[in-house]
Amino acid sequence: MLDVDVLPLFLLQISVVALCSQILGRLFRRIGQPGVVGEITAGIALGPSLFGWLAPTLHRALFPEASLGSLNLIGQLGLILFMFLVGMTLNVQHLKEHRAIALASSVSSIAVPFISGFFLAVFLHRALSLPGVPLFSFALFMAVCMSITAFPVLARILQETGLMGTRLGSVAIASAAIGDVAGWLILAAILAFSAGAVQHRSLSVTFGLLAAYIAAMIILRLRWPRLREVNLAAALIIAILSSVATEWIGVHALFGAFFAGVMIRKTVASVEAARQMIEPLTTTIFLPVFFAITGLRTRFGLLLEKEALSYTLMILAVAVAGKWLGAMLAARSMGMGAREANALGILMNARGLVELVILSIGFDLGLISQTVFSMMVLMALVTTFMTVPLMHRVYSVGCRPGSPTESYTVPK
């Protein structure tokens, strides 16, 4: 419970975070970027990289170290609700449309950056890893970070550029959906591997618990009646209990929230009801608080040293090239035209919020240092920010009328 004396500061922090998020979100929409990019930037700007650099005394007064625990809890709750909503709005119909080309581009856009990111991490391990972090754990985690595409941000980009109803939009959203599920399953396996040592369990026990959890969720889906609006409360309770279960297993609460959203049976009406109830408060308050916590952990000043800057550029180059080439070459091999395949590679590079979520998990678990965290945050911002401008250059996105075909809307 919050102390009465710190409550005014807590409310002031949330007000400042929400206000900055709204201002920059609207500003970025005016310049053709998704609003969520502005909201992420607002969180970074409130950290030591800008606000703390311009007004260090005021920054320490507004965000004292002792107050960050309460903000972090709010941010984590927001992430649980957000990941549940992402799972709810994941339309599996996209997986049936253009499934051959979508599957090929998804697998390639995961495999190429994963493998290249793994070998880059092996090279960077000695210079950048924290003491005691095994090479294998560090390299696997970095590989997952390289291979992520932010499904919610990509969906918003496709909607705002009028590409959702095109073949390119359908392939991109299907590839991202497959990639999201695959990425979280890979991350769950990595966290299960790490959890065995931390919780003094054998690896077989940890994976056995994870398999039992997944089996229980599949059974729940098979037996769950079609979800109606009146059962949204039950769905939220299941999502929270699922989060508790995966946190106890050692694969993080966010995986449980996401997987619960995917596995619960739903209708168009129930998804819309969930979105209308959960999304406004989550995107207005909870997620901006998470972005602010991310910003408070990010110190771009650490990247100004010559070696750190070189490592950052290497990470950015491998991340961009791996995703771009992986998706583009696979699409070309499946018969997609050169311009469309190039555009698909650009779209798959949008990492956005999902990347920040995974980085926060790794930072909290001690898998990456603050320097690596800052490098990867910068990579996530650059790869997301460049998506729309590059699409305008190579695919003339502004001249296509939008004809969205999604059954469900998606959160930011």
Protein backbone atom coordinates (compact mmCIF):
# COMPACT_ATOMS: atom_id res chain seq x y z
CA MET A 1 0.00 0.00 0.00
CA LEU A 2 1.22 3.49 -0.81
CA ASP A 3 2.13 5.73 2.09
CA VAL A 4 -0.13 8.78 2.36
CA ASP A 5 2.89 11.08 2.08
CA VAL A 6 4.06 9.59 -1.21
CA LEU A 7 0.61 9.38 -2.81
CA PRO A 8 0.71 12.98 -4.19
CA LEU A 9 4.12 12.30 -5.77
CA PHE A 10 2.85 9.03 -7.24
CA LEU A 11 -0.19 10.75 -8.78
CA LEU A 12 2.00 13.58 -10.08
CA GLN A 13 4.35 11.07 -11.71
CA ILE A 14 1.47 9.33 -13.47
CA SER A 15 0.00 12.66 -14.61
CA VAL A 16 3.33 13.84 -16.07
CA VAL A 17 3.90 10.51 -17.80
CA ALA A 18 0.38 10.40 -19.29
CA LEU A 19 0.56 14.05 -20.44
CA CYS A 20 3.94 13.64 -22.15
CA SER A 21 2.76 10.40 -23.74
CA GLN A 22 -0.36 12.05 -25.19
CA ILE A 23 1.56 15.08 -26.49
CA LEU A 24 4.29 13.12 -28.23
CA GLY A 25 1.84 10.48 -29.46
CA ARG A 26 -0.19 13.13 -31.27
CA LEU A 27 2.94 14.88 -32.54
CA PHE A 28 4.31 11.68 -34.05
CA ARG A 29 0.97 10.91 -35.70
CA ARG A 30 1.17 14.32 -37.38
CA ILE A 31 4.51 13.42 -38.95
CA GLY A 32 3.23 10.08 -40.24
CA GLN A 33 4.48 7.78 -37.46
CA PRO A 34 2.25 5.48 -35.36
CA GLY A 35 1.27 7.17 -32.10
CA VAL A 36 2.86 4.39 -30.08
CA VAL A 37 6.31 5.42 -31.39
CA GLY A 38 5.74 8.86 -29.89
CA GLU A 39 4.59 7.31 -26.62
CA ILE A 40 7.72 5.16 -26.43
CA THR A 41 9.83 8.23 -27.19
CA ALA A 42 8.07 10.13 -24.40
CA GLY A 43 9.06 7.43 -21.92
CA ILE A 44 12.69 7.56 -23.06
CA ALA A 45 12.66 11.37 -22.90
CA LEU A 46 11.54 11.31 -19.26
CA GLY A 47 14.59 9.27 -18.31
CA PRO A 48 18.17 10.34 -17.62
CA SER A 49 18.99 10.43 -21.34
CA LEU A 50 17.07 13.72 -21.81
CA PHE A 51 15.05 15.02 -18.84
CA GLY A 52 17.68 13.88 -16.34
CA TRP A 53 20.40 15.44 -18.48
CA LEU A 54 18.61 18.80 -18.94
CA ALA A 55 17.29 19.17 -15.37
CA PRO A 56 18.98 16.62 -13.08
CA THR A 57 17.72 18.15 -9.82
CA LEU A 58 14.11 18.31 -10.98
CA HIS A 59 14.39 14.82 -12.42
CA ARG A 60 15.59 13.38 -9.10
CA ALA A 61 12.78 15.20 -7.28
CA LEU A 62 10.07 13.89 -9.62
CA PHE A 63 11.45 10.36 -9.98
CA PRO A 64 13.35 9.52 -6.79
CA GLU A 65 14.80 6.02 -6.69
CA ALA A 66 12.58 5.02 -3.76
CA SER A 67 9.39 5.71 -5.75
CA LEU A 68 10.20 3.57 -8.77
CA GLY A 69 8.96 0.32 -7.21
CA SER A 70 5.34 1.53 -7.24
CA LEU A 71 5.64 2.77 -10.83
CA ASN A 72 7.15 -0.54 -11.88
CA LEU A 73 4.18 -2.47 -10.41
CA ILE A 74 1.77 -0.30 -12.39
CA GLY A 75 3.83 -0.83 -15.53
CA GLN A 76 3.92 -4.61 -15.02
CA LEU A 77 0.15 -4.73 -14.52
CA GLY A 78 -0.24 -2.77 -17.74
CA LEU A 79 1.97 -5.24 -19.58
CA ILE A 80 -0.07 -8.20 -18.33
CA LEU A 81 -3.29 -6.58 -19.56
CA PHE A 82 -1.65 -5.54 -22.82
CA MET A 83 -0.25 -9.00 -23.59
CA PHE A 84 -3.63 -10.55 -22.77
CA LEU A 85 -5.26 -8.15 -25.22
CA VAL A 86 -2.63 -8.90 -27.89
CA GLY A 87 -3.40 -12.60 -27.49
CA MET A 88 -7.15 -11.92 -27.65
CA THR A 89 -6.84 -9.86 -30.84
CA LEU A 90 -4.50 -12.29 -32.59
CA ASN A 91 -6.70 -13.31 -35.51
CA VAL A 92 -5.73 -16.85 -36.55
CA GLN A 93 -7.66 -16.38 -39.80
CA HIS A 94 -4.58 -14.55 -41.05
CA LEU A 95 -2.63 -17.78 -40.65
CA LYS A 96 -4.90 -19.46 -43.22
CA GLU A 97 -4.64 -16.71 -45.83
CA HIS A 98 -1.49 -16.88 -47.97
CA ARG A 99 -0.25 -19.46 -45.47
CA ALA A 100 2.57 -20.85 -47.63
CA ILE A 101 4.27 -17.52 -48.29
CA ALA A 102 3.48 -16.25 -44.78
CA LEU A 103 4.97 -19.34 -43.16
CA ALA A 104 8.10 -19.21 -45.34
CA SER A 105 8.71 -15.50 -44.71
CA SER A 106 7.96 -15.84 -41.00
CA VAL A 107 10.33 -18.77 -40.48
CA SER A 108 13.07 -17.08 -42.49
CA SER A 109 12.60 -13.69 -40.79
CA ILE A 110 12.99 -15.43 -37.43
CA ALA A 111 15.76 -17.87 -38.33
CA VAL A 112 18.13 -15.49 -40.15
CA PRO A 113 18.26 -12.76 -37.44
CA PHE A 114 18.20 -15.42 -34.71
CA ILE A 115 21.28 -17.20 -36.09
CA SER A 116 23.15 -13.99 -36.97
CA GLY A 117 22.20 -12.46 -33.61
CA PHE A 118 23.42 -15.57 -31.78
CA PHE A 119 26.86 -15.43 -33.39
CA LEU A 120 27.10 -11.67 -32.84
CA ALA A 121 26.26 -12.21 -29.16
CA VAL A 122 28.99 -14.85 -28.89
CA PHE A 123 31.41 -12.22 -30.19
CA LEU A 124 30.07 -9.53 -27.80
CA HIS A 125 29.73 -11.72 -24.71
CA ARG A 126 33.15 -11.03 -23.21
CA ALA A 127 32.85 -7.26 -23.67
CA LEU A 128 29.19 -6.66 -22.79
CA SER A 129 27.75 -9.42 -20.61
CA LEU A 130 27.30 -9.19 -16.86
CA PRO A 131 29.62 -11.28 -14.67
CA GLY A 132 28.25 -14.77 -14.16
CA VAL A 133 25.88 -14.77 -17.15
CA PRO A 134 26.62 -17.92 -19.20
CA LEU A 135 27.54 -17.43 -22.83
CA PHE A 136 24.72 -19.70 -24.00
CA SER A 137 22.00 -17.84 -22.04
CA PHE A 138 23.30 -14.42 -23.15
CA ALA A 139 23.56 -15.45 -26.80
CA LEU A 140 20.12 -17.09 -26.90
CA PHE A 141 18.44 -14.09 -25.31
CA MET A 142 20.13 -11.65 -27.69
CA ALA A 143 19.14 -13.89 -30.63
CA VAL A 144 15.47 -13.77 -29.59
CA CYS A 145 15.65 -9.97 -29.29
CA MET A 146 17.02 -9.75 -32.84
CA SER A 147 14.25 -11.93 -34.29
CA ILE A 148 11.17 -10.16 -32.84
CA THR A 149 8.54 -8.32 -34.89
CA ALA A 150 6.00 -6.23 -32.98
CA PHE A 151 2.65 -7.62 -34.16
CA PRO A 152 0.53 -4.82 -32.55
CA VAL A 153 2.70 -2.00 -33.95
CA LEU A 154 2.80 -3.63 -37.38
CA ALA A 155 -0.99 -3.97 -37.40
CA ARG A 156 -1.35 -0.28 -36.54
CA ILE A 157 1.08 0.67 -39.34
CA LEU A 158 -0.85 -1.41 -41.87
CA GLN A 159 -4.15 0.14 -40.79
CA GLU A 160 -2.85 3.71 -40.92
CA THR A 161 -1.20 3.24 -44.33
CA GLY A 162 -4.17 1.51 -45.96
CA LEU A 163 -2.30 -1.75 -46.58
CA MET A 164 -4.34 -4.06 -44.38
CA GLY A 165 -6.59 -5.23 -47.22
CA THR A 166 -3.79 -5.88 -49.70
CA ARG A 167 -1.87 -9.12 -50.29
CA LEU A 168 1.22 -7.49 -48.77
CA GLY A 169 -0.76 -6.55 -45.65
CA SER A 170 -2.24 -10.03 -45.29
CA VAL A 171 1.15 -11.73 -45.67
CA ALA A 172 2.83 -9.29 -43.29
CA ILE A 173 0.22 -9.65 -40.55
CA ALA A 174 0.18 -13.43 -40.88
CA SER A 175 3.97 -13.60 -40.75
CA ALA A 176 4.05 -11.34 -37.71
CA ALA A 177 1.37 -13.42 -35.97
CA ILE A 178 3.34 -16.63 -36.53
CA GLY A 179 6.51 -14.85 -35.46
CA ASP A 180 4.93 -13.51 -32.27
CA VAL A 181 3.80 -16.95 -31.15
CA ALA A 182 7.11 -18.57 -32.14
CA GLY A 183 9.14 -15.82 -30.48
CA TRP A 184 7.31 -16.14 -27.18
CA LEU A 185 7.59 -19.92 -27.23
CA ILE A 186 11.35 -19.67 -27.85
CA LEU A 187 11.65 -17.09 -25.07
CA ALA A 188 9.63 -19.31 -22.74
CA ALA A 189 12.04 -22.18 -23.45
CA ILE A 190 15.06 -19.95 -22.76
CA LEU A 191 13.55 -18.67 -19.51
CA ALA A 192 12.66 -22.21 -18.49
CA PHE A 193 16.28 -23.17 -19.12
CA SER A 194 17.47 -20.27 -16.93
CA ALA A 195 14.81 -20.85 -14.27
CA GLY A 196 16.03 -24.39 -13.61
CA ALA A 197 19.34 -23.09 -12.29
CA VAL A 198 17.88 -20.13 -10.41
CA GLN A 199 15.12 -22.14 -8.71
CA HIS A 200 17.36 -25.20 -8.19
CA ARG A 201 15.09 -27.38 -10.33
CA SER A 202 16.23 -29.87 -12.89
CA LEU A 203 15.66 -28.76 -16.47
CA SER A 204 13.38 -31.74 -17.07
CA VAL A 205 11.12 -30.68 -14.17
CA THR A 206 10.88 -27.10 -15.48
CA PHE A 207 10.02 -28.21 -19.01
CA GLY A 208 7.63 -30.81 -17.61
CA LEU A 209 5.76 -28.09 -15.71
CA LEU A 210 5.70 -25.92 -18.83
CA ALA A 211 4.33 -28.81 -20.92
CA ALA A 212 1.66 -29.51 -18.29
CA TYR A 213 0.66 -25.83 -18.30
CA ILE A 214 0.36 -25.75 -22.11
CA ALA A 215 -1.67 -28.99 -22.07
CA ALA A 216 -4.01 -27.50 -19.44
CA MET A 217 -4.54 -24.39 -21.56
CA ILE A 218 -5.31 -26.51 -24.65
CA ILE A 219 -7.86 -28.52 -22.65
CA LEU A 220 -9.37 -25.25 -21.41
CA ARG A 221 -9.75 -24.05 -25.01
CA LEU A 222 -11.41 -27.28 -26.09
CA ARG A 223 -13.90 -27.22 -23.22
CA TRP A 224 -14.46 -23.47 -22.96
CA PRO A 225 -17.84 -22.38 -24.39
CA ARG A 226 -17.91 -19.53 -26.87
CA LEU A 227 -16.94 -16.47 -24.86
CA ARG A 228 -19.58 -13.76 -24.57
CA GLU A 229 -19.29 -10.25 -23.17
CA VAL A 230 -20.69 -11.30 -19.77
CA ASN A 231 -17.77 -13.74 -19.39
CA LEU A 232 -15.03 -11.14 -19.84
CA ALA A 233 -14.45 -11.07 -16.09
CA ALA A 234 -13.87 -14.83 -16.13
CA ALA A 235 -11.44 -14.43 -19.03
CA LEU A 236 -9.46 -11.80 -17.09
CA ILE A 237 -9.34 -14.04 -14.02
CA ILE A 238 -8.03 -16.91 -16.16
CA ALA A 239 -5.42 -14.59 -17.69
CA ILE A 240 -4.21 -13.52 -14.24
CA LEU A 241 -4.10 -17.10 -12.95
CA SER A 242 -2.26 -18.10 -16.12
CA SER A 243 0.26 -15.33 -15.43
CA VAL A 244 0.71 -16.60 -11.87
CA ALA A 245 1.30 -20.12 -13.18
CA THR A 246 3.94 -19.16 -15.75
CA GLU A 247 5.68 -16.85 -13.26
CA TRP A 248 5.89 -19.77 -10.80
CA ILE A 249 7.18 -22.10 -13.53
CA GLY A 250 9.83 -19.52 -14.37
CA VAL A 251 8.86 -18.37 -17.87
CA HIS A 252 7.48 -14.97 -16.78
CA ALA A 253 3.94 -13.77 -16.13
CA LEU A 254 3.68 -12.02 -19.50
CA PHE A 255 3.87 -15.31 -21.39
CA GLY A 256 0.92 -16.58 -19.35
CA ALA A 257 -1.15 -13.48 -20.11
CA PHE A 258 -0.40 -13.69 -23.85
CA PHE A 259 -1.03 -17.43 -24.07
CA ALA A 260 -4.30 -17.13 -22.15
CA GLY A 261 -5.48 -14.48 -24.63
CA VAL A 262 -4.60 -16.75 -27.56
CA MET A 263 -6.20 -19.90 -26.13
CA ILE A 264 -9.49 -18.49 -24.82
CA ARG A 265 -12.28 -18.97 -27.34
CA LYS A 266 -13.78 -15.69 -28.52
CA THR A 267 -16.18 -14.03 -30.89
CA VAL A 268 -15.85 -10.72 -32.71
CA ALA A 269 -18.20 -9.18 -30.12
CA SER A 270 -16.25 -10.51 -27.15
CA VAL A 271 -12.95 -9.25 -28.57
CA GLU A 272 -14.45 -5.83 -29.19
CA ALA A 273 -15.85 -5.79 -25.64
CA ALA A 274 -12.43 -6.70 -24.23
CA ARG A 275 -10.75 -4.04 -26.33
CA GLN A 276 -13.21 -1.32 -25.29
CA MET A 277 -12.87 -2.20 -21.62
CA ILE A 278 -9.13 -2.83 -21.36
CA GLU A 279 -7.46 -0.77 -24.07
CA PRO A 280 -8.30 2.85 -23.07
CA LEU A 281 -6.91 2.70 -19.53
CA THR A 282 -4.02 0.46 -20.57
CA THR A 283 -2.83 2.67 -23.43
CA THR A 284 -3.50 5.96 -21.59
CA ILE A 285 -1.98 5.16 -18.19
CA PHE A 286 -0.43 1.72 -17.77
CA LEU A 287 1.71 1.41 -20.92
CA PRO A 288 3.04 5.00 -20.73
CA VAL A 289 4.17 4.18 -17.18
CA PHE A 290 5.98 1.13 -18.55
CA PHE A 291 7.61 3.31 -21.21
CA ALA A 292 8.68 5.73 -18.47
CA ILE A 293 10.22 2.87 -16.45
CA THR A 294 12.02 1.78 -19.62
CA GLY A 295 13.24 5.35 -20.10
CA LEU A 296 14.49 5.54 -16.51
CA ARG A 297 16.54 2.39 -17.14
CA THR A 298 17.92 3.66 -20.46
CA ARG A 299 21.11 5.67 -20.48
CA PHE A 300 22.11 6.62 -23.98
CA GLY A 301 25.10 8.45 -22.53
CA LEU A 302 26.68 5.02 -21.98
CA LEU A 303 26.72 4.54 -25.76
CA LEU A 304 28.85 7.60 -26.53
CA GLU A 305 32.09 5.83 -25.81
CA LYS A 306 33.86 4.69 -28.98
CA GLU A 307 33.64 0.94 -28.36
CA ALA A 308 30.03 1.11 -27.14
CA LEU A 309 29.00 3.10 -30.21
CA SER A 310 30.70 0.55 -32.48
CA TYR A 311 28.91 -2.33 -30.75
CA THR A 312 25.59 -0.48 -31.06
CA LEU A 313 26.06 0.01 -34.79
CA MET A 314 26.94 -3.68 -35.17
CA ILE A 315 23.76 -4.69 -33.31
CA LEU A 316 21.65 -2.34 -35.43
CA ALA A 317 23.18 -3.54 -38.70
CA VAL A 318 22.71 -7.25 -37.87
CA ALA A 319 19.15 -6.66 -36.61
CA VAL A 320 18.05 -4.72 -39.69
CA ALA A 321 19.82 -6.91 -42.26
CA GLY A 322 18.70 -10.18 -40.67
CA LYS A 323 15.00 -9.31 -40.58
CA TRP A 324 14.96 -7.52 -43.92
CA LEU A 325 16.88 -10.13 -45.90
CA GLY A 326 15.21 -13.07 -44.15
CA ALA A 327 11.68 -11.96 -45.00
CA MET A 328 12.51 -10.55 -48.45
CA LEU A 329 14.44 -13.55 -49.77
CA ALA A 330 11.85 -16.03 -48.51
CA ALA A 331 9.03 -14.03 -50.11
CA ARG A 332 10.92 -13.83 -53.40
CA SER A 333 11.52 -17.58 -53.36
CA MET A 334 7.75 -18.10 -52.97
CA GLY A 335 6.94 -15.99 -56.03
CA MET A 336 6.28 -12.54 -54.54
CA GLY A 337 7.38 -9.60 -56.68
CA ALA A 338 10.59 -7.72 -55.89
CA ARG A 339 8.86 -4.53 -54.70
CA GLU A 340 6.37 -6.38 -52.49
CA ALA A 341 9.09 -8.63 -51.05
CA ASN A 342 11.26 -5.61 -50.28
CA ALA A 343 8.32 -3.91 -48.57
CA LEU A 344 7.63 -7.06 -46.53
CA GLY A 345 11.21 -7.07 -45.29
CA ILE A 346 10.85 -3.45 -44.21
CA LEU A 347 7.57 -4.14 -42.38
CA MET A 348 8.99 -7.13 -40.50
CA ASN A 349 11.69 -4.89 -39.03
CA ALA A 350 9.20 -2.99 -36.85
CA ARG A 351 10.07 -4.19 -33.35
CA GLY A 352 8.46 -1.51 -31.18
CA LEU A 353 6.77 -2.33 -27.91
CA VAL A 354 7.20 -6.11 -27.95
CA GLU A 355 10.98 -5.65 -28.11
CA LEU A 356 10.86 -3.37 -25.06
CA VAL A 357 8.78 -5.94 -23.17
CA ILE A 358 11.30 -8.70 -23.85
CA LEU A 359 14.24 -6.43 -23.01
CA SER A 360 12.63 -5.57 -19.68
CA ILE A 361 12.26 -9.27 -18.90
CA GLY A 362 15.94 -9.85 -19.64
CA PHE A 363 17.00 -6.82 -17.62
CA ASP A 364 14.89 -7.84 -14.61
CA LEU A 365 16.31 -11.37 -14.72
CA GLY A 366 19.89 -10.10 -14.92
CA LEU A 367 20.56 -11.54 -18.39
CA ILE A 368 21.70 -8.19 -19.85
CA SER A 369 23.46 -5.13 -18.45
CA GLN A 370 22.17 -1.57 -18.49
CA THR A 371 24.53 -0.81 -21.38
CA VAL A 372 23.18 -3.68 -23.50
CA PHE A 373 19.63 -2.73 -22.49
CA SER A 374 20.26 0.84 -23.75
CA MET A 375 21.79 -0.46 -26.99
CA MET A 376 18.82 -2.70 -27.68
CA VAL A 377 16.28 0.02 -26.81
CA LEU A 378 17.94 2.28 -29.35
CA MET A 379 17.82 -0.54 -31.91
CA ALA A 380 14.09 -1.03 -31.22
CA LEU A 381 13.40 2.69 -31.67
CA VAL A 382 15.39 3.00 -34.91
CA THR A 383 13.93 -0.13 -36.54
CA THR A 384 10.38 0.97 -35.68
CA PHE A 385 10.88 4.62 -36.62
CA MET A 386 12.33 3.77 -40.05
CA THR A 387 9.47 1.50 -41.12
CA VAL A 388 6.91 4.04 -42.36
CA PRO A 389 9.39 6.40 -44.12
CA LEU A 390 11.01 3.48 -45.96
CA MET A 391 7.59 2.10 -46.91
CA HIS A 392 6.67 5.48 -48.41
CA ARG A 393 9.81 5.37 -50.50
CA VAL A 394 9.59 1.81 -51.84
CA TYR A 395 5.86 1.06 -51.91
CA SER A 396 3.91 4.33 -52.31
CA VAL A 397 1.73 3.52 -49.31
CA GLY A 398 -0.10 6.82 -49.43
CA CYS A 399 -1.85 6.10 -52.74
CA ARG A 400 -3.70 2.97 -51.69
CA PRO A 401 -7.22 3.16 -50.29
CA GLY A 402 -7.57 1.23 -47.08
CA SER A 403 -9.87 -1.76 -47.00
CA PRO A 404 -9.19 -3.46 -43.69
CA THR A 405 -10.06 -7.13 -43.63
CA GLU A 406 -9.32 -7.87 -39.98
CA SER A 407 -12.10 -9.31 -37.91
CA TYR A 408 -10.62 -7.83 -34.77
CA THR A 409 -9.05 -4.50 -33.99
CA VAL A 410 -5.69 -4.47 -32.28
CA PRO A 411 -4.17 -2.49 -29.44
CA LYS A 412 -1.27 -0.12 -29.86
